[in-house]
Amino acid sequence: MGMSENPFKIIEPREEVPATMKKEVMGSVRAVVLILRFVQLFVGDFTNAFIDNFKTNKPKSK
């Protein structure tokens, strides 16, 4: 891509997206999905864990 070429030009539906751009976008999407899955794994249901800490009438142990 030359200096005079606009990197933000609108790609028409009939135009083919460059292969390098497809690889970059898909790599970024995969990275975000992986990060979100890790967050979901470790912080799955944080609301219940948070609320359990503030319950006032906890069950009595025997």
Protein backbone atom coordinates (compact mmCIF):
# COMPACT_ATOMS: atom_id res chain seq x y z
CA MET A 1 0.00 0.00 0.00
CA GLY A 2 1.52 3.28 -1.07
CA MET A 3 1.51 6.53 0.84
CA SER A 4 -1.04 8.09 -1.52
CA GLU A 5 -3.52 5.20 -1.16
CA ASN A 6 -6.31 5.76 1.38
CA PRO A 7 -6.30 2.94 3.99
CA PHE A 8 -9.85 3.87 5.04
CA LYS A 9 -11.44 3.67 1.61
CA ILE A 10 -14.84 2.02 1.41
CA ILE A 11 -14.68 -1.46 -0.07
CA GLU A 12 -17.48 -1.97 -2.53
CA PRO A 13 -19.45 -5.25 -2.30
CA ARG A 14 -18.13 -6.33 -5.69
CA GLU A 15 -14.51 -5.82 -4.60
CA GLU A 16 -12.48 -8.58 -2.97
CA VAL A 17 -11.00 -7.86 0.47
CA PRO A 18 -7.21 -8.29 0.51
CA ALA A 19 -6.11 -11.64 1.98
CA THR A 20 -3.72 -10.00 4.44
CA MET A 21 -6.56 -7.88 5.83
CA LYS A 22 -8.75 -10.96 6.25
CA LYS A 23 -5.97 -12.72 8.19
CA GLU A 24 -5.40 -9.70 10.47
CA VAL A 25 -9.10 -9.28 11.24
CA MET A 26 -9.69 -12.97 11.88
CA GLY A 27 -6.60 -13.13 14.10
CA SER A 28 -7.92 -10.20 16.14
CA VAL A 29 -11.37 -11.75 16.40
CA ARG A 30 -9.91 -15.07 17.56
CA ALA A 31 -7.82 -13.30 20.21
CA VAL A 32 -10.86 -11.42 21.56
CA VAL A 33 -12.96 -14.60 21.64
CA LEU A 34 -10.21 -16.43 23.51
CA ILE A 35 -9.91 -13.63 26.07
CA LEU A 36 -13.69 -13.55 26.58
CA ARG A 37 -13.78 -17.32 27.10
CA PHE A 38 -11.05 -17.12 29.75
CA VAL A 39 -12.90 -14.30 31.50
CA GLN A 40 -16.11 -16.31 31.39
CA LEU A 41 -14.29 -19.35 32.78
CA PHE A 42 -12.90 -17.56 35.83
CA VAL A 43 -15.64 -14.99 36.43
CA GLY A 44 -18.56 -17.11 35.25
CA ASP A 45 -21.24 -16.17 37.73
CA PHE A 46 -19.74 -13.39 39.80
CA THR A 47 -23.12 -11.96 40.84
CA ASN A 48 -24.09 -15.04 42.87
CA ALA A 49 -20.64 -15.22 44.46
CA PHE A 50 -20.83 -11.52 45.32
CA ILE A 51 -24.37 -11.71 46.72
CA ASP A 52 -23.56 -14.82 48.81
CA ASN A 53 -21.00 -12.77 50.74
CA PHE A 54 -23.64 -10.25 51.83
CA LYS A 55 -26.52 -12.52 52.84
CA THR A 56 -27.72 -11.82 56.36
CA ASN A 57 -29.69 -14.99 57.02
CA LYS A 58 -27.19 -17.69 56.12
CA PRO A 59 -28.16 -21.31 56.83
CA LYS A 60 -26.92 -22.55 60.22
CA SER A 61 -24.50 -25.44 60.17
CA LYS A 62 -25.26 -28.46 62.37
